Amino acid sequence: MCRQYSLSADLQEIQTYFGIDHVPSMYKARYNISPRQHVPVVLHANGRRILDEYRWGLVPFWAKDAVNADGMSAHLNPAYRKIFRRQRCVIPCSGLYYWQSEGKKKLPMRVVLRSRKVFGVAGLYDIWTDPRGNELRTCTFLMTESNRLITSFHNQMPVILNQDSFEDWLLNKEIGTDELIPLLKPYEASQMEAYPVTPLISNLQMDHSGCIEEMNVKLAWIKE
């Protein structure tokens, strides 16, 4: 399961790639993002695309894993059906972290596009108000079956949208699921690659550029 990722792109690259009309001043590159942290998301609001911050992990906690939702069944799941129809977002990402296991050892891997450019993950968002009136804005990745690169790490991967799919996905109006489901497919494996990184990414407090540097395989293996 993908429970960590990075967003190392600068703000100009994000603004250009996602066609964002409004960008916040609080943006900074992130190298080790984990659940329950606030993350940048792209939304369509008032006729324009904006970059905002939401917490990764949907609330209310409908499912055992509200960090990632099954893209192929979200439109059927009562917990997600409503927001799938109207509350879709794109989550900017530069790399996905996975763990490759061999016996009692685990190797941290970073999966990126061969171009090393930013990409967009299909997401859902929700805004929830607690009994005290505090607003909590949360989001989740949509998942699909893994491609042949990621299948050695896990059987699922986030849905990576093509750039020309952003408009349909972001429109905050109901679109037939027949139009959306074809977008939720595995990304082409030939356009991606993976390399080992430091085992320090297991420390979720680590968030610096060293997290995404390629590491010698012998040093990257850690014992469980």
C-alpha atoms as a PDB file:
ATOM      1  CA  MET A   1       0.000   0.000   0.000  1.00  0.00           C
ATOM      2  CA  CYS A   2       1.286   3.487  -0.812  1.00  0.00           C
ATOM      3  CA  ARG A   3       1.493   5.329   2.516  1.00  0.00           C
ATOM      4  CA  GLN A   4       4.353   7.725   1.805  1.00  0.00           C
ATOM      5  CA  TYR A   5       5.208   9.964  -1.122  1.00  0.00           C
ATOM      6  CA  SER A   6       7.233  13.025  -2.040  1.00  0.00           C
ATOM      7  CA  LEU A   7       6.565  16.322  -3.765  1.00  0.00           C
ATOM      8  CA  SER A   8       9.933  17.800  -4.634  1.00  0.00           C
ATOM      9  CA  ALA A   9       8.791  20.020  -7.530  1.00  0.00           C
ATOM     10  CA  ASP A  10       9.047  23.759  -7.153  1.00  0.00           C
ATOM     11  CA  LEU A  11       5.969  25.939  -7.180  1.00  0.00           C
ATOM     12  CA  GLN A  12       6.496  27.185 -10.733  1.00  0.00           C
ATOM     13  CA  GLU A  13       6.555  23.636 -12.104  1.00  0.00           C
ATOM     14  CA  ILE A  14       3.369  22.772 -10.218  1.00  0.00           C
ATOM     15  CA  GLN A  15       1.578  25.914 -11.323  1.00  0.00           C
ATOM     16  CA  THR A  16       2.495  25.341 -14.966  1.00  0.00           C
ATOM     17  CA  TYR A  17       1.820  21.602 -15.112  1.00  0.00           C
ATOM     18  CA  PHE A  18      -1.560  21.753 -13.376  1.00  0.00           C
ATOM     19  CA  GLY A  19      -2.680  25.048 -14.889  1.00  0.00           C
ATOM     20  CA  ILE A  20      -3.261  26.635 -11.492  1.00  0.00           C
ATOM     21  CA  ASP A  21      -4.714  30.124 -11.402  1.00  0.00           C
ATOM     22  CA  HIS A  22      -4.201  30.760  -7.692  1.00  0.00           C
ATOM     23  CA  VAL A  23      -1.223  29.557  -5.666  1.00  0.00           C
ATOM     24  CA  PRO A  24      -0.757  29.914  -1.897  1.00  0.00           C
ATOM     25  CA  SER A  25       2.302  31.445  -0.320  1.00  0.00           C
ATOM     26  CA  MET A  26       2.710  28.563   2.145  1.00  0.00           C
ATOM     27  CA  TYR A  27       3.879  25.982  -0.432  1.00  0.00           C
ATOM     28  CA  LYS A  28       7.219  24.241   0.098  1.00  0.00           C
ATOM     29  CA  ALA A  29       8.761  21.092  -1.311  1.00  0.00           C
ATOM     30  CA  ARG A  30       8.181  17.925   0.734  1.00  0.00           C
ATOM     31  CA  TYR A  31      10.342  14.811   0.645  1.00  0.00           C
ATOM     32  CA  ASN A  32       8.610  12.352   2.976  1.00  0.00           C
ATOM     33  CA  ILE A  33       4.865  12.864   3.210  1.00  0.00           C
ATOM     34  CA  SER A  34       2.822  10.486   5.357  1.00  0.00           C
ATOM     35  CA  PRO A  35      -0.833  10.085   6.451  1.00  0.00           C
ATOM     36  CA  ARG A  36      -2.456  12.722   8.649  1.00  0.00           C
ATOM     37  CA  GLN A  37      -0.106  15.400   7.329  1.00  0.00           C
ATOM     38  CA  HIS A  38      -1.424  18.366   5.338  1.00  0.00           C
ATOM     39  CA  VAL A  39      -0.680  18.112   1.631  1.00  0.00           C
ATOM     40  CA  PRO A  40      -1.209  20.312  -1.460  1.00  0.00           C
ATOM     41  CA  VAL A  41      -4.231  19.444  -3.599  1.00  0.00           C
ATOM     42  CA  VAL A  42      -5.532  20.896  -6.858  1.00  0.00           C
ATOM     43  CA  LEU A  43      -9.238  21.795  -6.902  1.00  0.00           C
ATOM     44  CA  HIS A  44     -11.660  23.473  -9.279  1.00  0.00           C
ATOM     45  CA  ALA A  45     -13.396  26.320  -7.460  1.00  0.00           C
ATOM     46  CA  ASN A  46     -15.312  29.345  -8.719  1.00  0.00           C
ATOM     47  CA  GLY A  47     -14.315  28.676 -12.303  1.00  0.00           C
ATOM     48  CA  ARG A  48     -10.584  28.350 -11.721  1.00  0.00           C
ATOM     49  CA  ARG A  49      -8.012  25.844 -10.552  1.00  0.00           C
ATOM     50  CA  ILE A  50      -6.513  26.490  -7.148  1.00  0.00           C
ATOM     51  CA  LEU A  51      -3.841  24.889  -5.005  1.00  0.00           C
ATOM     52  CA  ASP A  52      -4.996  24.330  -1.445  1.00  0.00           C
ATOM     53  CA  GLU A  53      -4.045  22.219   1.581  1.00  0.00           C
ATOM     54  CA  TYR A  54      -5.984  19.208   2.885  1.00  0.00           C
ATOM     55  CA  ARG A  55      -5.109  16.526   5.415  1.00  0.00           C
ATOM     56  CA  TRP A  56      -4.205  13.166   3.865  1.00  0.00           C
ATOM     57  CA  GLY A  57      -6.750  10.642   5.159  1.00  0.00           C
ATOM     58  CA  LEU A  58     -10.500  11.101   4.883  1.00  0.00           C
ATOM     59  CA  VAL A  59     -12.610  11.964   7.934  1.00  0.00           C
ATOM     60  CA  PRO A  60     -15.070  10.650   9.042  1.00  0.00           C
ATOM     61  CA  PHE A  61     -13.004   7.464   9.253  1.00  0.00           C
ATOM     62  CA  TRP A  62     -15.399   5.375   7.147  1.00  0.00           C
ATOM     63  CA  ALA A  63     -13.006   2.652   6.176  1.00  0.00           C
ATOM     64  CA  LYS A  64     -10.090   0.758   7.682  1.00  0.00           C
ATOM     65  CA  ASP A  65      -7.782   2.630   5.325  1.00  0.00           C
ATOM     66  CA  ALA A  66      -9.101   6.099   4.533  1.00  0.00           C
ATOM     67  CA  VAL A  67      -5.697   7.211   3.227  1.00  0.00           C
ATOM     68  CA  ASN A  68      -6.259   5.298  -0.015  1.00  0.00           C
ATOM     69  CA  ALA A  69      -9.555   4.320  -1.645  1.00  0.00           C
ATOM     70  CA  ASP A  70     -10.146   1.637  -4.277  1.00  0.00           C
ATOM     71  CA  GLY A  71     -10.701   3.575  -7.479  1.00  0.00           C
ATOM     72  CA  MET A  72     -12.578   0.776  -9.207  1.00  0.00           C
ATOM     73  CA  SER A  73     -15.243   0.464  -6.501  1.00  0.00           C
ATOM     74  CA  ALA A  74     -15.397   3.936  -4.923  1.00  0.00           C
ATOM     75  CA  HIS A  75     -18.415   4.883  -7.030  1.00  0.00           C
ATOM     76  CA  LEU A  76     -20.236   1.818  -5.663  1.00  0.00           C
ATOM     77  CA  ASN A  77     -19.185   2.117  -2.022  1.00  0.00           C
ATOM     78  CA  PRO A  78     -21.838   3.990  -0.005  1.00  0.00           C
ATOM     79  CA  ALA A  79     -19.078   5.681   1.990  1.00  0.00           C
ATOM     80  CA  TYR A  80     -17.485   7.216  -1.108  1.00  0.00           C
ATOM     81  CA  ARG A  81     -20.265   7.351  -3.699  1.00  0.00           C
ATOM     82  CA  LYS A  82     -21.369  10.931  -3.013  1.00  0.00           C
ATOM     83  CA  ILE A  83     -17.920  12.485  -2.975  1.00  0.00           C
ATOM     84  CA  PHE A  84     -16.829  10.448  -6.003  1.00  0.00           C
ATOM     85  CA  ARG A  85     -19.572  12.176  -7.981  1.00  0.00           C
ATOM     86  CA  ARG A  86     -18.829  15.736  -6.939  1.00  0.00           C
ATOM     87  CA  GLN A  87     -15.734  16.108  -4.765  1.00  0.00           C
ATOM     88  CA  ARG A  88     -12.747  15.115  -6.851  1.00  0.00           C
ATOM     89  CA  CYS A  89      -9.262  16.569  -6.668  1.00  0.00           C
ATOM     90  CA  VAL A  90      -5.779  15.991  -8.079  1.00  0.00           C
ATOM     91  CA  ILE A  91      -2.915  15.487  -5.646  1.00  0.00           C
ATOM     92  CA  PRO A  92       0.484  16.647  -6.980  1.00  0.00           C
ATOM     93  CA  CYS A  93       3.273  14.128  -6.512  1.00  0.00           C
ATOM     94  CA  SER A  94       6.901  13.648  -7.569  1.00  0.00           C
ATOM     95  CA  GLY A  95       7.548  10.135  -6.282  1.00  0.00           C
ATOM     96  CA  LEU A  96       5.879   7.214  -4.498  1.00  0.00           C
ATOM     97  CA  TYR A  97       7.568   5.223  -1.750  1.00  0.00           C
ATOM     98  CA  TYR A  98       7.256   1.448  -1.593  1.00  0.00           C
ATOM     99  CA  TRP A  99       9.058  -1.275   0.351  1.00  0.00           C
ATOM    100  CA  GLN A 100      10.522  -4.289  -1.399  1.00  0.00           C
ATOM    101  CA  SER A 101      10.798  -7.356   0.869  1.00  0.00           C
ATOM    102  CA  GLU A 102      13.303 -10.180   0.670  1.00  0.00           C
ATOM    103  CA  GLY A 103      13.180 -12.564   3.621  1.00  0.00           C
ATOM    104  CA  LYS A 104      13.527 -10.496   6.779  1.00  0.00           C
ATOM    105  CA  LYS A 105      14.956  -7.524   4.952  1.00  0.00           C
ATOM    106  CA  LYS A 106      13.156  -4.584   3.378  1.00  0.00           C
ATOM    107  CA  LEU A 107      14.409  -2.218   0.714  1.00  0.00           C
ATOM    108  CA  PRO A 108      12.859   1.284   0.482  1.00  0.00           C
ATOM    109  CA  MET A 109      12.188   2.245  -3.133  1.00  0.00           C
ATOM    110  CA  ARG A 110      11.118   5.507  -4.741  1.00  0.00           C
ATOM    111  CA  VAL A 111       8.974   5.204  -7.874  1.00  0.00           C
ATOM    112  CA  VAL A 112       9.130   8.185 -10.236  1.00  0.00           C
ATOM    113  CA  LEU A 113       8.429   9.119 -13.836  1.00  0.00           C
ATOM    114  CA  ARG A 114      11.422   8.575 -16.102  1.00  0.00           C
ATOM    115  CA  SER A 115      11.264  12.299 -16.858  1.00  0.00           C
ATOM    116  CA  ARG A 116      11.503  12.998 -13.095  1.00  0.00           C
ATOM    117  CA  LYS A 117       8.707  15.509 -13.520  1.00  0.00           C
ATOM    118  CA  VAL A 118       5.710  16.111 -11.281  1.00  0.00           C
ATOM    119  CA  PHE A 119       2.517  14.108 -11.880  1.00  0.00           C
ATOM    120  CA  GLY A 120      -1.064  14.163 -10.625  1.00  0.00           C
ATOM    121  CA  VAL A 121      -2.823  11.456  -8.590  1.00  0.00           C
ATOM    122  CA  ALA A 122      -6.611  11.186  -8.771  1.00  0.00           C
ATOM    123  CA  GLY A 123      -8.077  11.975  -5.374  1.00  0.00           C
ATOM    124  CA  LEU A 124     -11.277  12.616  -3.469  1.00  0.00           C
ATOM    125  CA  TYR A 125     -11.812  15.249  -0.800  1.00  0.00           C
ATOM    126  CA  ASP A 126     -14.300  16.031   1.918  1.00  0.00           C
ATOM    127  CA  ILE A 127     -14.967  18.837   4.369  1.00  0.00           C
ATOM    128  CA  TRP A 128     -16.174  17.725   7.785  1.00  0.00           C
ATOM    129  CA  THR A 129     -17.222  19.807  10.773  1.00  0.00           C
ATOM    130  CA  ASP A 130     -16.791  18.334  14.230  1.00  0.00           C
ATOM    131  CA  PRO A 131     -19.272  18.855  17.115  1.00  0.00           C
ATOM    132  CA  ARG A 132     -17.331  21.952  18.216  1.00  0.00           C
ATOM    133  CA  GLY A 133     -17.708  23.554  14.814  1.00  0.00           C
ATOM    134  CA  ASN A 134     -14.091  23.052  13.742  1.00  0.00           C
ATOM    135  CA  GLU A 135     -13.685  22.433  10.016  1.00  0.00           C
ATOM    136  CA  LEU A 136     -11.499  19.572   8.883  1.00  0.00           C
ATOM    137  CA  ARG A 137     -10.587  19.273   5.201  1.00  0.00           C
ATOM    138  CA  THR A 138      -9.300  15.870   4.169  1.00  0.00           C
ATOM    139  CA  CYS A 139      -8.361  13.961   1.008  1.00  0.00           C
ATOM    140  CA  THR A 140      -7.511  10.457  -0.171  1.00  0.00           C
ATOM    141  CA  PHE A 141      -5.672   8.797  -3.049  1.00  0.00           C
ATOM    142  CA  LEU A 142      -7.640   6.646  -5.472  1.00  0.00           C
ATOM    143  CA  MET A 143      -5.955   3.326  -6.159  1.00  0.00           C
ATOM    144  CA  THR A 144      -5.964   0.920  -9.079  1.00  0.00           C
ATOM    145  CA  GLU A 145      -4.195  -2.333  -9.888  1.00  0.00           C
ATOM    146  CA  SER A 146      -0.430  -2.062 -10.109  1.00  0.00           C
ATOM    147  CA  ASN A 147       1.511  -1.994 -13.358  1.00  0.00           C
ATOM    148  CA  ARG A 148       4.335  -4.452 -14.019  1.00  0.00           C
ATOM    149  CA  LEU A 149       6.903  -2.192 -12.299  1.00  0.00           C
ATOM    150  CA  ILE A 150       5.029  -1.743  -9.038  1.00  0.00           C
ATOM    151  CA  THR A 151       3.616  -5.254  -8.852  1.00  0.00           C
ATOM    152  CA  SER A 152       6.877  -6.454  -7.260  1.00  0.00           C
ATOM    153  CA  PHE A 153       6.180  -4.083  -4.345  1.00  0.00           C
ATOM    154  CA  HIS A 154       2.394  -4.200  -4.065  1.00  0.00           C
ATOM    155  CA  ASN A 155      -0.724  -5.178  -6.009  1.00  0.00           C
ATOM    156  CA  GLN A 156      -2.077  -1.619  -6.096  1.00  0.00           C
ATOM    157  CA  MET A 157      -0.813   1.801  -7.105  1.00  0.00           C
ATOM    158  CA  PRO A 158      -2.255   5.318  -7.060  1.00  0.00           C
ATOM    159  CA  VAL A 159      -4.175   6.389 -10.150  1.00  0.00           C
ATOM    160  CA  ILE A 160      -1.861   8.708 -12.088  1.00  0.00           C
ATOM    161  CA  LEU A 161      -3.906  10.897 -14.406  1.00  0.00           C
ATOM    162  CA  ASN A 162      -2.771  12.072 -17.811  1.00  0.00           C
ATOM    163  CA  GLN A 163      -2.553  15.844 -18.009  1.00  0.00           C
ATOM    164  CA  ASP A 164      -5.406  16.023 -20.532  1.00  0.00           C
ATOM    165  CA  SER A 165      -7.695  14.247 -18.027  1.00  0.00           C
ATOM    166  CA  PHE A 166      -7.439  16.920 -15.355  1.00  0.00           C
ATOM    167  CA  GLU A 167     -10.329  19.030 -16.603  1.00  0.00           C
ATOM    168  CA  ASP A 168     -12.889  16.225 -16.566  1.00  0.00           C
ATOM    169  CA  TRP A 169     -11.684  14.923 -13.229  1.00  0.00           C
ATOM    170  CA  LEU A 170     -11.646  18.313 -11.495  1.00  0.00           C
ATOM    171  CA  LEU A 171     -15.027  19.619 -12.616  1.00  0.00           C
ATOM    172  CA  ASN A 172     -17.021  19.923  -9.396  1.00  0.00           C
ATOM    173  CA  LYS A 173     -20.247  18.721 -10.931  1.00  0.00           C
ATOM    174  CA  GLU A 174     -21.696  15.280 -11.365  1.00  0.00           C
ATOM    175  CA  ILE A 175     -20.295  13.375 -14.323  1.00  0.00           C
ATOM    176  CA  GLY A 176     -21.440   9.902 -15.194  1.00  0.00           C
ATOM    177  CA  THR A 177     -19.256   7.187 -13.743  1.00  0.00           C
ATOM    178  CA  ASP A 178     -19.017   5.679 -17.227  1.00  0.00           C
ATOM    179  CA  GLU A 179     -16.942   8.732 -18.179  1.00  0.00           C
ATOM    180  CA  LEU A 180     -14.742   8.669 -15.092  1.00  0.00           C
ATOM    181  CA  ILE A 181     -13.976   4.983 -14.593  1.00  0.00           C
ATOM    182  CA  PRO A 182     -11.836   4.721 -17.790  1.00  0.00           C
ATOM    183  CA  LEU A 183      -9.489   7.307 -16.254  1.00  0.00           C
ATOM    184  CA  LEU A 184      -8.766   5.059 -13.271  1.00  0.00           C
ATOM    185  CA  LYS A 185      -6.252   2.748 -14.900  1.00  0.00           C
ATOM    186  CA  PRO A 186      -2.636   1.805 -14.184  1.00  0.00           C
ATOM    187  CA  TYR A 187      -0.042   4.212 -15.504  1.00  0.00           C
ATOM    188  CA  GLU A 188       2.217   2.894 -18.240  1.00  0.00           C
ATOM    189  CA  ALA A 189       5.117   1.086 -16.564  1.00  0.00           C
ATOM    190  CA  SER A 190       7.548   1.955 -19.368  1.00  0.00           C
ATOM    191  CA  GLN A 191       7.214   5.628 -18.373  1.00  0.00           C
ATOM    192  CA  MET A 192       8.253   4.948 -14.771  1.00  0.00           C
ATOM    193  CA  GLU A 193      11.304   3.708 -12.896  1.00  0.00           C
ATOM    194  CA  ALA A 194      12.258   2.836  -9.319  1.00  0.00           C
ATOM    195  CA  TYR A 195      15.457   3.266  -7.340  1.00  0.00           C
ATOM    196  CA  PRO A 196      16.523   2.559  -3.733  1.00  0.00           C
ATOM    197  CA  VAL A 197      16.555   5.348  -1.162  1.00  0.00           C
ATOM    198  CA  THR A 198      17.633   5.729   2.438  1.00  0.00           C
ATOM    199  CA  PRO A 199      15.877   3.592   5.063  1.00  0.00           C
ATOM    200  CA  LEU A 200      15.586   6.778   7.096  1.00  0.00           C
ATOM    201  CA  ILE A 201      12.294   7.432   5.305  1.00  0.00           C
ATOM    202  CA  SER A 202      10.781   5.007   7.812  1.00  0.00           C
ATOM    203  CA  ASN A 203      11.213   7.859  10.300  1.00  0.00           C
ATOM    204  CA  LEU A 204       8.245  10.000   9.339  1.00  0.00           C
ATOM    205  CA  GLN A 205       9.891  13.053  10.887  1.00  0.00           C
ATOM    206  CA  MET A 206      12.584  12.960   8.213  1.00  0.00           C
ATOM    207  CA  ASP A 207      11.732  15.498   5.509  1.00  0.00           C
ATOM    208  CA  HIS A 208      14.739  16.713   3.559  1.00  0.00           C
ATOM    209  CA  SER A 209      16.218  16.280   0.088  1.00  0.00           C
ATOM    210  CA  GLY A 210      18.338  13.353   1.240  1.00  0.00           C
ATOM    211  CA  CYS A 211      15.156  11.257   1.374  1.00  0.00           C
ATOM    212  CA  ILE A 212      14.919  11.173  -2.429  1.00  0.00           C
ATOM    213  CA  GLU A 213      18.588  10.609  -3.266  1.00  0.00           C
ATOM    214  CA  GLU A 214      19.491   7.286  -4.842  1.00  0.00           C
ATOM    215  CA  MET A 215      21.290   5.032  -2.395  1.00  0.00           C
ATOM    216  CA  ASN A 216      23.667   2.115  -2.700  1.00  0.00           C
ATOM    217  CA  VAL A 217      21.507  -1.020  -2.572  1.00  0.00           C
ATOM    218  CA  LYS A 218      23.723  -2.661   0.081  1.00  0.00           C
ATOM    219  CA  LEU A 219      23.191   0.294   2.405  1.00  0.00           C
ATOM    220  CA  ALA A 220      19.487   0.610   1.690  1.00  0.00           C
ATOM    221  CA  TRP A 221      18.521  -2.896   2.847  1.00  0.00           C
ATOM    222  CA  ILE A 222      17.284  -2.954   6.447  1.00  0.00           C
ATOM    223  CA  LYS A 223      16.317  -5.809   8.739  1.00  0.00           C
ATOM    224  CA  GLU A 224      12.710  -6.063   9.863  1.00  0.00           C
END
